[in-house]
C-alpha atoms as a PDB file:
ATOM      1  CA  UNK A   1     -46.013 -41.366  78.990  1.00  0.00           C
ATOM      2  CA  UNK A   2     -44.909 -37.885  78.349  1.00  0.00           C
ATOM      3  CA  UNK A   3     -41.446 -36.542  77.517  1.00  0.00           C
ATOM      4  CA  UNK A   4     -40.854 -32.936  76.548  1.00  0.00           C
ATOM      5  CA  UNK A   5     -37.555 -34.112  75.004  1.00  0.00           C
ATOM      6  CA  UNK A   6     -39.406 -36.547  72.897  1.00  0.00           C
ATOM      7  CA  UNK A   7     -41.744 -33.899  71.739  1.00  0.00           C
ATOM      8  CA  UNK A   8     -38.900 -31.565  70.934  1.00  0.00           C
ATOM      9  CA  UNK A   9     -37.194 -34.179  68.615  1.00  0.00           C
ATOM     10  CA  UNK A  10     -40.502 -34.968  66.666  1.00  0.00           C
ATOM     11  CA  UNK A  11     -41.022 -31.217  66.124  1.00  0.00           C
ATOM     12  CA  UNK A  12     -37.585 -30.496  64.948  1.00  0.00           C
ATOM     13  CA  UNK A  13     -37.657 -33.492  62.597  1.00  0.00           C
ATOM     14  CA  UNK A  14     -40.680 -32.011  61.055  1.00  0.00           C
ATOM     15  CA  UNK A  15     -38.775 -28.781  60.429  1.00  0.00           C
ATOM     16  CA  UNK A  16     -36.061 -30.794  58.780  1.00  0.00           C
ATOM     17  CA  UNK A  17     -38.510 -32.399  56.485  1.00  0.00           C
ATOM     18  CA  UNK A  18     -39.782 -29.060  55.346  1.00  0.00           C
ATOM     19  CA  UNK A  19     -36.165 -28.245  54.501  1.00  0.00           C
ATOM     20  CA  UNK A  20     -35.958 -31.410  52.632  1.00  0.00           C
ATOM     21  CA  UNK A  21     -39.056 -30.380  50.472  1.00  0.00           C
ATOM     22  CA  UNK A  22     -36.877 -27.512  48.960  1.00  0.00           C
ATOM     23  CA  UNK A  23     -34.049 -30.024  48.186  1.00  0.00           C
ATOM     24  CA  UNK A  24     -36.477 -32.331  46.411  1.00  0.00           C
ATOM     25  CA  UNK A  25     -37.974 -29.258  44.597  1.00  0.00           C
ATOM     26  CA  UNK A  26     -34.638 -28.380  43.290  1.00  0.00           C
ATOM     27  CA  UNK A  27     -33.820 -31.889  42.286  1.00  0.00           C
ATOM     28  CA  UNK A  28     -30.895 -31.788  44.792  1.00  0.00           C
ATOM     29  CA  UNK A  29     -29.748 -35.126  46.011  1.00  0.00           C
ATOM     30  CA  UNK A  30     -26.759 -36.590  47.900  1.00  0.00           C
ATOM     31  CA  UNK A  31     -25.600 -39.480  50.005  1.00  0.00           C
ATOM     32  CA  UNK A  32     -26.509 -39.422  53.636  1.00  0.00           C
ATOM     33  CA  UNK A  33     -22.969 -39.179  54.787  1.00  0.00           C
ATOM     34  CA  UNK A  34     -22.489 -36.039  52.639  1.00  0.00           C
ATOM     35  CA  UNK A  35     -25.771 -34.340  53.794  1.00  0.00           C
ATOM     36  CA  UNK A  36     -25.140 -30.771  55.180  1.00  0.00           C
ATOM     37  CA  UNK A  37     -28.748 -29.744  55.914  1.00  0.00           C
ATOM     38  CA  UNK A  38     -29.587 -25.927  56.493  1.00  0.00           C
ATOM     39  CA  UNK A  39     -30.606 -26.117  60.110  1.00  0.00           C
ATOM     40  CA  UNK A  40     -33.296 -23.479  61.191  1.00  0.00           C
ATOM     41  CA  UNK A  41     -32.161 -21.274  63.774  1.00  0.00           C
ATOM     42  CA  UNK A  42     -34.397 -22.265  66.746  1.00  0.00           C
ATOM     43  CA  UNK A  43     -35.841 -19.412  68.941  1.00  0.00           C
ATOM     44  CA  UNK A  44     -35.022 -18.675  72.553  1.00  0.00           C
ATOM     45  CA  UNK A  45     -31.831 -18.636  74.583  1.00  0.00           C
ATOM     46  CA  UNK A  46     -32.164 -22.149  75.495  1.00  0.00           C
ATOM     47  CA  UNK A  47     -30.912 -23.243  72.107  1.00  0.00           C
ATOM     48  CA  UNK A  48     -27.551 -21.402  72.510  1.00  0.00           C
ATOM     49  CA  UNK A  49     -25.773 -24.697  73.537  1.00  0.00           C
ATOM     50  CA  UNK A  50     -26.382 -26.374  70.265  1.00  0.00           C
ATOM     51  CA  UNK A  51     -23.047 -27.699  69.043  1.00  0.00           C
ATOM     52  CA  UNK A  52     -22.489 -25.931  65.583  1.00  0.00           C
ATOM     53  CA  UNK A  53     -22.830 -28.459  62.731  1.00  0.00           C
ATOM     54  CA  UNK A  54     -23.898 -31.320  64.885  1.00  0.00           C
ATOM     55  CA  UNK A  55     -27.307 -32.573  63.830  1.00  0.00           C
ATOM     56  CA  UNK A  56     -28.062 -34.740  66.921  1.00  0.00           C
ATOM     57  CA  UNK A  57     -27.190 -31.672  69.012  1.00  0.00           C
ATOM     58  CA  UNK A  58     -29.582 -29.600  66.987  1.00  0.00           C
ATOM     59  CA  UNK A  59     -32.343 -32.251  66.861  1.00  0.00           C
ATOM     60  CA  UNK A  60     -32.156 -32.287  70.765  1.00  0.00           C
ATOM     61  CA  UNK A  61     -32.344 -28.628  70.934  1.00  0.00           C
ATOM     62  CA  UNK A  62     -28.863 -28.508  72.361  1.00  0.00           C
ATOM     63  CA  UNK A  63     -27.872 -29.181  76.085  1.00  0.00           C
ATOM     64  CA  UNK A  64     -25.118 -28.914  78.728  1.00  0.00           C
ATOM     65  CA  UNK A  65     -22.021 -31.000  79.015  1.00  0.00           C
ATOM     66  CA  UNK A  66     -22.072 -34.273  81.023  1.00  0.00           C
ATOM     67  CA  UNK A  67     -24.910 -36.744  81.335  1.00  0.00           C
ATOM     68  CA  UNK A  68     -27.277 -34.999  83.846  1.00  0.00           C
ATOM     69  CA  UNK A  69     -30.644 -33.610  83.224  1.00  0.00           C
ATOM     70  CA  UNK A  70     -30.378 -30.858  80.530  1.00  0.00           C
ATOM     71  CA  UNK A  71     -27.467 -32.377  78.848  1.00  0.00           C
ATOM     72  CA  UNK A  72     -27.761 -33.800  75.419  1.00  0.00           C
ATOM     73  CA  UNK A  73     -26.968 -37.263  76.712  1.00  0.00           C
ATOM     74  CA  UNK A  74     -29.610 -36.675  79.657  1.00  0.00           C
ATOM     75  CA  UNK A  75     -32.137 -35.729  76.937  1.00  0.00           C
ATOM     76  CA  UNK A  76     -31.574 -39.012  75.149  1.00  0.00           C
ATOM     77  CA  UNK A  77     -31.716 -40.927  78.367  1.00  0.00           C
ATOM     78  CA  UNK A  78     -35.190 -39.297  79.155  1.00  0.00           C
ATOM     79  CA  UNK A  79     -36.480 -40.440  75.732  1.00  0.00           C
ATOM     80  CA  UNK A  80     -35.081 -44.003  76.466  1.00  0.00           C
ATOM     81  CA  UNK A  81     -36.652 -44.177  79.769  1.00  0.00           C
ATOM     82  CA  UNK A  82     -40.068 -43.082  78.311  1.00  0.00           C
ATOM     83  CA  UNK A  83     -39.679 -45.435  75.418  1.00  0.00           C
ATOM     84  CA  UNK A  84     -38.818 -48.449  77.710  1.00  0.00           C
ATOM     85  CA  UNK A  85     -41.948 -47.670  79.777  1.00  0.00           C
ATOM     86  CA  UNK A  86     -44.100 -47.874  76.662  1.00  0.00           C
ATOM     87  CA  UNK A  87     -42.505 -50.898  75.148  1.00  0.00           C
ATOM     88  CA  UNK A  88     -42.764 -52.738  78.504  1.00  0.00           C
ATOM     89  CA  UNK A  89     -46.611 -52.079  78.558  1.00  0.00           C
ATOM     90  CA  UNK A  90     -47.026 -53.516  75.187  1.00  0.00           C
ATOM     91  CA  UNK A  91     -46.728 -57.263  73.992  1.00  0.00           C
ATOM     92  CA  UNK A  92     -43.826 -58.917  72.132  1.00  0.00           C
ATOM     93  CA  UNK A  93     -46.306 -59.388  69.211  1.00  0.00           C
ATOM     94  CA  UNK A  94     -47.750 -55.894  68.218  1.00  0.00           C
ATOM     95  CA  UNK A  95     -51.226 -55.663  67.012  1.00  0.00           C
ATOM     96  CA  UNK A  96     -51.299 -52.928  64.472  1.00  0.00           C
ATOM     97  CA  UNK A  97     -54.365 -51.284  63.015  1.00  0.00           C
ATOM     98  CA  UNK A  98     -54.829 -50.676  59.336  1.00  0.00           C
ATOM     99  CA  UNK A  99     -54.017 -48.373  57.400  1.00  0.00           C
ATOM    100  CA  UNK A 100     -50.436 -49.048  57.949  1.00  0.00           C
ATOM    101  CA  UNK A 101     -47.049 -48.296  56.284  1.00  0.00           C
ATOM    102  CA  UNK A 102     -43.978 -50.427  56.775  1.00  0.00           C
ATOM    103  CA  UNK A 103     -40.475 -49.180  56.482  1.00  0.00           C
ATOM    104  CA  UNK A 104     -37.469 -51.417  56.334  1.00  0.00           C
ATOM    105  CA  UNK A 105     -33.896 -51.252  57.207  1.00  0.00           C
ATOM    106  CA  UNK A 106     -32.544 -47.656  57.614  1.00  0.00           C
ATOM    107  CA  UNK A 107     -29.144 -48.387  58.966  1.00  0.00           C
ATOM    108  CA  UNK A 108     -28.411 -44.696  60.130  1.00  0.00           C
ATOM    109  CA  UNK A 109     -29.397 -43.158  56.955  1.00  0.00           C
ATOM    110  CA  UNK A 110     -31.155 -40.280  58.311  1.00  0.00           C
ATOM    111  CA  UNK A 111     -31.820 -38.273  55.237  1.00  0.00           C
ATOM    112  CA  UNK A 112     -33.220 -41.208  53.605  1.00  0.00           C
ATOM    113  CA  UNK A 113     -35.678 -41.833  56.519  1.00  0.00           C
ATOM    114  CA  UNK A 114     -36.847 -38.219  56.255  1.00  0.00           C
ATOM    115  CA  UNK A 115     -37.368 -38.499  52.612  1.00  0.00           C
ATOM    116  CA  UNK A 116     -39.583 -41.574  53.167  1.00  0.00           C
ATOM    117  CA  UNK A 117     -41.545 -39.317  55.544  1.00  0.00           C
ATOM    118  CA  UNK A 118     -41.713 -36.494  52.934  1.00  0.00           C
ATOM    119  CA  UNK A 119     -42.923 -38.812  50.119  1.00  0.00           C
ATOM    120  CA  UNK A 120     -45.120 -41.275  52.182  1.00  0.00           C
ATOM    121  CA  UNK A 121     -46.339 -39.310  55.270  1.00  0.00           C
ATOM    122  CA  UNK A 122     -45.040 -39.349  58.878  1.00  0.00           C
ATOM    123  CA  UNK A 123     -46.403 -40.605  62.102  1.00  0.00           C
ATOM    124  CA  UNK A 124     -49.067 -38.000  63.622  1.00  0.00           C
ATOM    125  CA  UNK A 125     -49.637 -35.842  60.430  1.00  0.00           C
ATOM    126  CA  UNK A 126     -53.213 -36.481  60.472  1.00  0.00           C
ATOM    127  CA  UNK A 127     -53.694 -34.799  63.956  1.00  0.00           C
ATOM    128  CA  UNK A 128     -56.119 -31.956  63.618  1.00  0.00           C
ATOM    129  CA  UNK A 129     -57.828 -33.196  60.452  1.00  0.00           C
ATOM    130  CA  UNK A 130     -60.643 -35.707  59.636  1.00  0.00           C
ATOM    131  CA  UNK A 131     -58.127 -38.167  57.967  1.00  0.00           C
ATOM    132  CA  UNK A 132     -57.919 -41.548  59.355  1.00  0.00           C
ATOM    133  CA  UNK A 133     -54.685 -42.093  61.521  1.00  0.00           C
ATOM    134  CA  UNK A 134     -52.019 -44.155  59.787  1.00  0.00           C
ATOM    135  CA  UNK A 135     -49.950 -46.726  61.759  1.00  0.00           C
ATOM    136  CA  UNK A 136     -46.209 -46.916  60.906  1.00  0.00           C
ATOM    137  CA  UNK A 137     -44.192 -50.192  61.310  1.00  0.00           C
ATOM    138  CA  UNK A 138     -40.466 -49.677  61.381  1.00  0.00           C
ATOM    139  CA  UNK A 139     -39.147 -53.225  60.679  1.00  0.00           C
ATOM    140  CA  UNK A 140     -35.626 -53.216  62.529  1.00  0.00           C
ATOM    141  CA  UNK A 141     -31.966 -52.524  61.611  1.00  0.00           C
ATOM    142  CA  UNK A 142     -31.807 -48.773  62.314  1.00  0.00           C
ATOM    143  CA  UNK A 143     -28.336 -48.802  63.454  1.00  0.00           C
ATOM    144  CA  UNK A 144     -24.751 -49.807  62.306  1.00  0.00           C
ATOM    145  CA  UNK A 145     -23.092 -48.543  59.120  1.00  0.00           C
ATOM    146  CA  UNK A 146     -24.650 -45.091  58.488  1.00  0.00           C
ATOM    147  CA  UNK A 147     -23.506 -41.762  59.321  1.00  0.00           C
ATOM    148  CA  UNK A 148     -26.500 -40.837  61.566  1.00  0.00           C
ATOM    149  CA  UNK A 149     -27.425 -43.766  63.620  1.00  0.00           C
ATOM    150  CA  UNK A 150     -28.108 -41.679  66.788  1.00  0.00           C
ATOM    151  CA  UNK A 151     -30.327 -39.303  65.030  1.00  0.00           C
ATOM    152  CA  UNK A 152     -32.357 -42.204  63.410  1.00  0.00           C
ATOM    153  CA  UNK A 153     -32.866 -44.291  66.601  1.00  0.00           C
ATOM    154  CA  UNK A 154     -33.511 -41.269  68.771  1.00  0.00           C
ATOM    155  CA  UNK A 155     -36.145 -40.032  66.418  1.00  0.00           C
ATOM    156  CA  UNK A 156     -37.901 -43.451  66.236  1.00  0.00           C
ATOM    157  CA  UNK A 157     -37.902 -43.783  70.069  1.00  0.00           C
ATOM    158  CA  UNK A 158     -39.241 -40.206  70.259  1.00  0.00           C
ATOM    159  CA  UNK A 159     -41.939 -41.138  67.825  1.00  0.00           C
ATOM    160  CA  UNK A 160     -42.852 -44.179  69.787  1.00  0.00           C
ATOM    161  CA  UNK A 161     -43.331 -42.024  72.934  1.00  0.00           C
ATOM    162  CA  UNK A 162     -45.357 -39.440  71.373  1.00  0.00           C
ATOM    163  CA  UNK A 163     -47.560 -41.810  69.329  1.00  0.00           C
ATOM    164  CA  UNK A 164     -47.474 -45.104  71.215  1.00  0.00           C
ATOM    165  CA  UNK A 165     -50.506 -46.727  69.355  1.00  0.00           C
ATOM    166  CA  UNK A 166     -49.466 -45.521  65.835  1.00  0.00           C
ATOM    167  CA  UNK A 167     -45.654 -46.220  65.846  1.00  0.00           C
ATOM    168  CA  UNK A 168     -44.459 -49.891  66.061  1.00  0.00           C
ATOM    169  CA  UNK A 169     -40.958 -50.843  66.359  1.00  0.00           C
ATOM    170  CA  UNK A 170     -39.799 -54.328  65.357  1.00  0.00           C
ATOM    171  CA  UNK A 171     -36.406 -55.587  66.549  1.00  0.00           C
ATOM    172  CA  UNK A 172     -33.861 -56.498  63.711  1.00  0.00           C
ATOM    173  CA  UNK A 173     -30.610 -58.361  63.926  1.00  0.00           C
ATOM    174  CA  UNK A 174     -28.601 -55.218  64.264  1.00  0.00           C
ATOM    175  CA  UNK A 175     -30.572 -54.221  67.393  1.00  0.00           C
ATOM    176  CA  UNK A 176     -27.941 -56.543  68.931  1.00  0.00           C
ATOM    177  CA  UNK A 177     -24.912 -55.590  71.003  1.00  0.00           C
ATOM    178  CA  UNK A 178     -22.854 -58.487  69.509  1.00  0.00           C
ATOM    179  CA  UNK A 179     -23.614 -57.334  65.798  1.00  0.00           C
ATOM    180  CA  UNK A 180     -22.870 -53.875  66.589  1.00  0.00           C
ATOM    181  CA  UNK A 181     -19.314 -54.728  67.985  1.00  0.00           C
ATOM    182  CA  UNK A 182     -18.583 -56.994  65.182  1.00  0.00           C
ATOM    183  CA  UNK A 183     -19.460 -54.332  62.726  1.00  0.00           C
ATOM    184  CA  UNK A 184     -17.006 -51.965  64.320  1.00  0.00           C
ATOM    185  CA  UNK A 185     -14.263 -54.812  64.643  1.00  0.00           C
ATOM    186  CA  UNK A 186     -14.696 -55.533  60.964  1.00  0.00           C
ATOM    187  CA  UNK A 187     -13.918 -51.813  60.125  1.00  0.00           C
ATOM    188  CA  UNK A 188     -17.391 -50.485  59.767  1.00  0.00           C
ATOM    189  CA  UNK A 189     -19.150 -48.157  61.911  1.00  0.00           C
ATOM    190  CA  UNK A 190     -21.045 -50.008  64.430  1.00  0.00           C
ATOM    191  CA  UNK A 191     -23.489 -48.435  67.028  1.00  0.00           C
ATOM    192  CA  UNK A 192     -21.014 -48.636  69.615  1.00  0.00           C
ATOM    193  CA  UNK A 193     -18.606 -46.320  67.740  1.00  0.00           C
ATOM    194  CA  UNK A 194     -21.351 -43.987  66.676  1.00  0.00           C
ATOM    195  CA  UNK A 195     -22.243 -43.445  70.419  1.00  0.00           C
ATOM    196  CA  UNK A 196     -18.642 -42.795  71.251  1.00  0.00           C
ATOM    197  CA  UNK A 197     -17.993 -40.532  68.351  1.00  0.00           C
ATOM    198  CA  UNK A 198     -20.963 -38.321  69.408  1.00  0.00           C
ATOM    199  CA  UNK A 199     -20.447 -38.114  72.959  1.00  0.00           C
ATOM    200  CA  UNK A 200     -16.868 -39.343  73.953  1.00  0.00           C
ATOM    201  CA  UNK A 201     -15.721 -42.835  75.188  1.00  0.00           C
ATOM    202  CA  UNK A 202     -17.209 -42.816  78.590  1.00  0.00           C
ATOM    203  CA  UNK A 203     -20.547 -41.234  78.035  1.00  0.00           C
ATOM    204  CA  UNK A 204     -20.922 -43.082  74.665  1.00  0.00           C
ATOM    205  CA  UNK A 205     -20.515 -46.487  76.157  1.00  0.00           C
ATOM    206  CA  UNK A 206     -22.859 -45.556  78.864  1.00  0.00           C
ATOM    207  CA  UNK A 207     -25.350 -44.432  76.240  1.00  0.00           C
ATOM    208  CA  UNK A 208     -24.834 -47.593  74.178  1.00  0.00           C
ATOM    209  CA  UNK A 209     -25.434 -49.813  77.054  1.00  0.00           C
ATOM    210  CA  UNK A 210     -28.610 -47.908  77.891  1.00  0.00           C
ATOM    211  CA  UNK A 211     -29.819 -48.241  74.256  1.00  0.00           C
ATOM    212  CA  UNK A 212     -29.442 -51.904  74.617  1.00  0.00           C
ATOM    213  CA  UNK A 213     -31.321 -52.220  77.679  1.00  0.00           C
ATOM    214  CA  UNK A 214     -34.283 -50.673  75.705  1.00  0.00           C
ATOM    215  CA  UNK A 215     -33.570 -52.881  72.596  1.00  0.00           C
ATOM    216  CA  UNK A 216     -34.141 -55.839  74.935  1.00  0.00           C
ATOM    217  CA  UNK A 217     -37.857 -54.762  75.228  1.00  0.00           C
ATOM    218  CA  UNK A 218     -38.378 -54.291  71.462  1.00  0.00           C
ATOM    219  CA  UNK A 219     -41.418 -56.551  70.024  1.00  0.00           C
ATOM    220  CA  UNK A 220     -40.368 -59.163  67.639  1.00  0.00           C
ATOM    221  CA  UNK A 221     -43.273 -59.110  65.033  1.00  0.00           C
ATOM    222  CA  UNK A 222     -46.090 -57.035  64.137  1.00  0.00           C
ATOM    223  CA  UNK A 223     -49.545 -58.299  62.778  1.00  0.00           C
ATOM    224  CA  UNK A 224     -51.237 -55.703  60.714  1.00  0.00           C
ATOM    225  CA  UNK A 225     -55.075 -55.872  60.703  1.00  0.00           C
ATOM    226  CA  UNK A 226     -54.717 -59.392  62.004  1.00  0.00           C
ATOM    227  CA  UNK A 227     -53.816 -60.592  58.660  1.00  0.00           C
ATOM    228  CA  UNK A 228     -50.401 -59.351  57.550  1.00  0.00           C
ATOM    229  CA  UNK A 229     -47.296 -60.638  59.565  1.00  0.00           C
ATOM    230  CA  UNK A 230     -44.265 -58.192  59.505  1.00  0.00           C
ATOM    231  CA  UNK A 231     -40.921 -59.422  60.785  1.00  0.00           C
ATOM    232  CA  UNK A 232     -37.359 -58.624  60.198  1.00  0.00           C
ATOM    233  CA  UNK A 233     -36.056 -61.885  58.983  1.00  0.00           C
ATOM    234  CA  UNK A 234     -37.988 -65.113  58.340  1.00  0.00           C
ATOM    235  CA  UNK A 235     -40.255 -67.770  59.665  1.00  0.00           C
ATOM    236  CA  UNK A 236     -37.718 -70.546  59.633  1.00  0.00           C
ATOM    237  CA  UNK A 237     -39.766 -73.867  59.317  1.00  0.00           C
ATOM    238  CA  UNK A 238     -42.893 -72.086  60.276  1.00  0.00           C
ATOM    239  CA  UNK A 239     -43.370 -74.726  63.193  1.00  0.00           C
ATOM    240  CA  UNK A 240     -44.398 -71.992  65.730  1.00  0.00           C
ATOM    241  CA  UNK A 241     -47.481 -69.927  66.651  1.00  0.00           C
ATOM    242  CA  UNK A 242     -48.026 -66.340  67.582  1.00  0.00           C
ATOM    243  CA  UNK A 243     -49.237 -67.672  70.927  1.00  0.00           C
ATOM    244  CA  UNK A 244     -45.807 -69.413  71.401  1.00  0.00           C
ATOM    245  CA  UNK A 245     -44.099 -66.152  70.504  1.00  0.00           C
ATOM    246  CA  UNK A 246     -46.143 -64.297  73.046  1.00  0.00           C
ATOM    247  CA  UNK A 247     -44.797 -66.646  75.798  1.00  0.00           C
ATOM    248  CA  UNK A 248     -41.345 -65.290  75.146  1.00  0.00           C
ATOM    249  CA  UNK A 249     -40.139 -63.290  78.178  1.00  0.00           C
ATOM    250  CA  UNK A 250     -38.375 -59.957  77.919  1.00  0.00           C
ATOM    251  CA  UNK A 251     -35.819 -58.245  78.044  1.00  0.00           C
ATOM    252  CA  UNK A 252     -33.980 -60.375  75.475  1.00  0.00           C
ATOM    253  CA  UNK A 253     -30.218 -59.665  75.566  1.00  0.00           C
ATOM    254  CA  UNK A 254     -27.886 -60.665  72.785  1.00  0.00           C
ATOM    255  CA  UNK A 255     -26.980 -63.919  74.381  1.00  0.00           C
ATOM    256  CA  UNK A 256     -30.541 -64.971  74.673  1.00  0.00           C
ATOM    257  CA  UNK A 257     -31.617 -64.492  70.991  1.00  0.00           C
ATOM    258  CA  UNK A 258     -29.922 -67.727  69.609  1.00  0.00           C
ATOM    259  CA  UNK A 259     -31.731 -70.428  71.718  1.00  0.00           C
ATOM    260  CA  UNK A 260     -34.918 -68.616  72.670  1.00  0.00           C
ATOM    261  CA  UNK A 261     -37.831 -70.942  71.424  1.00  0.00           C
ATOM    262  CA  UNK A 262     -35.319 -73.387  70.070  1.00  0.00           C
ATOM    263  CA  UNK A 263     -33.990 -71.008  67.587  1.00  0.00           C
ATOM    264  CA  UNK A 264     -37.288 -69.444  66.316  1.00  0.00           C
ATOM    265  CA  UNK A 265     -36.445 -66.005  67.715  1.00  0.00           C
ATOM    266  CA  UNK A 266     -33.061 -65.951  65.941  1.00  0.00           C
ATOM    267  CA  UNK A 267     -34.724 -66.967  62.757  1.00  0.00           C
ATOM    268  CA  UNK A 268     -37.265 -64.145  63.061  1.00  0.00           C
ATOM    269  CA  UNK A 269     -34.368 -61.601  63.296  1.00  0.00           C
ATOM    270  CA  UNK A 270     -31.951 -63.339  60.823  1.00  0.00           C
ATOM    271  CA  UNK A 271     -33.345 -65.601  58.334  1.00  0.00           C
ATOM    272  CA  UNK A 272     -34.989 -65.327  55.062  1.00  0.00           C
ATOM    273  CA  UNK A 273     -37.711 -67.843  53.858  1.00  0.00           C
ATOM    274  CA  UNK A 274     -35.431 -70.783  53.037  1.00  0.00           C
ATOM    275  CA  UNK A 275     -36.041 -74.498  53.407  1.00  0.00           C
ATOM    276  CA  UNK A 276     -35.571 -75.365  57.176  1.00  0.00           C
ATOM    277  CA  UNK A 277     -33.131 -78.095  58.314  1.00  0.00           C
ATOM    278  CA  UNK A 278     -31.786 -79.378  61.535  1.00  0.00           C
ATOM    279  CA  UNK A 279     -28.386 -77.590  60.824  1.00  0.00           C
ATOM    280  CA  UNK A 280     -29.741 -74.137  60.329  1.00  0.00           C
ATOM    281  CA  UNK A 281     -32.477 -74.353  63.101  1.00  0.00           C
ATOM    282  CA  UNK A 282     -30.241 -72.560  65.453  1.00  0.00           C
ATOM    283  CA  UNK A 283     -27.791 -71.244  62.899  1.00  0.00           C
ATOM    284  CA  UNK A 284     -29.971 -69.485  60.275  1.00  0.00           C
ATOM    285  CA  UNK A 285     -27.019 -67.535  58.986  1.00  0.00           C
ATOM    286  CA  UNK A 286     -25.653 -70.758  57.331  1.00  0.00           C
ATOM    287  CA  UNK A 287     -28.868 -70.892  55.226  1.00  0.00           C
ATOM    288  CA  UNK A 288     -29.038 -67.259  54.185  1.00  0.00           C
ATOM    289  CA  UNK A 289     -27.440 -65.756  51.126  1.00  0.00           C
ATOM    290  CA  UNK A 290     -29.453 -62.867  49.726  1.00  0.00           C
ATOM    291  CA  UNK A 291     -28.241 -60.111  52.062  1.00  0.00           C
ATOM    292  CA  UNK A 292     -24.524 -59.057  52.057  1.00  0.00           C
ATOM    293  CA  UNK A 293     -23.092 -60.021  55.338  1.00  0.00           C
ATOM    294  CA  UNK A 294     -20.816 -62.525  57.085  1.00  0.00           C
ATOM    295  CA  UNK A 295     -23.318 -65.248  56.336  1.00  0.00           C
ATOM    296  CA  UNK A 296     -22.679 -68.017  53.855  1.00  0.00           C
ATOM    297  CA  UNK A 297     -23.625 -67.387  50.349  1.00  0.00           C
ATOM    298  CA  UNK A 298     -26.104 -69.506  48.693  1.00  0.00           C
ATOM    299  CA  UNK A 299     -26.878 -68.593  45.011  1.00  0.00           C
ATOM    300  CA  UNK A 300     -29.905 -70.939  44.846  1.00  0.00           C
ATOM    301  CA  UNK A 301     -31.827 -68.757  47.441  1.00  0.00           C
ATOM    302  CA  UNK A 302     -34.096 -65.996  46.208  1.00  0.00           C
ATOM    303  CA  UNK A 303     -35.558 -63.466  48.532  1.00  0.00           C
ATOM    304  CA  UNK A 304     -39.283 -63.752  48.363  1.00  0.00           C
ATOM    305  CA  UNK A 305     -40.529 -60.885  50.574  1.00  0.00           C
ATOM    306  CA  UNK A 306     -38.988 -57.733  51.677  1.00  0.00           C
ATOM    307  CA  UNK A 307     -37.922 -56.798  55.206  1.00  0.00           C
END
């Protein structure tokens, strides 16, 4: 699947990483929400439509108003369409070749994600060299809370389109419409609000809905080198197999997640490895306490692996 818009976003992100190298060299640091990067002036008249000071606009190379081809929203829609095509062609259990790097929750912290690429490498950087290509697993929770949610998730989907067999995207519990809306209703910045803030109420809601259509096709787990299982939450009681998980039919909407495979999918997205009981089989949030959220607190639970 080819997408000129995806290739533009990946290239522009590489330019931002070069700028971050200067910040790192000066020991300059800041919160993502306070970050004001020096955006390189792109060449050509086609970039005159970039909205000044708007990072998502710069990342996309600008665009016309509205939602049609050539608009910023239209460019994101192109990337989403290409990403959906790739995701639908790949299984719900991703088989990832080693060597691989796994990145956890980003939650809209775009600068932090670019810093990870600066220090640990980015997808595709081995192109044109004799180095072994490195796989990258992004283990969910890219949206909600942070200041640059659209930039994060747009870049990740662009990477998936450009490098479909190197970049692997696991679904997290925040790639969930209900969770996004709840984040906003509780006073935070949910992904719904991030979309509307960037593109207005009507276009923002349309874009939010389209993102969730694609989220429904995301894989649930990744197996690295056939030995290491990577998933966002936990395994529950472990009374399931990868073959059982492969039988799950996508797309999975928010309302499908709780009961799919008798709660196994919900545990994969939500729970840490805690003792499994009949009570938390379909309500893992009652048995989880290590991660700050609306879930009940349990001080006797210790997180034993990262996500």
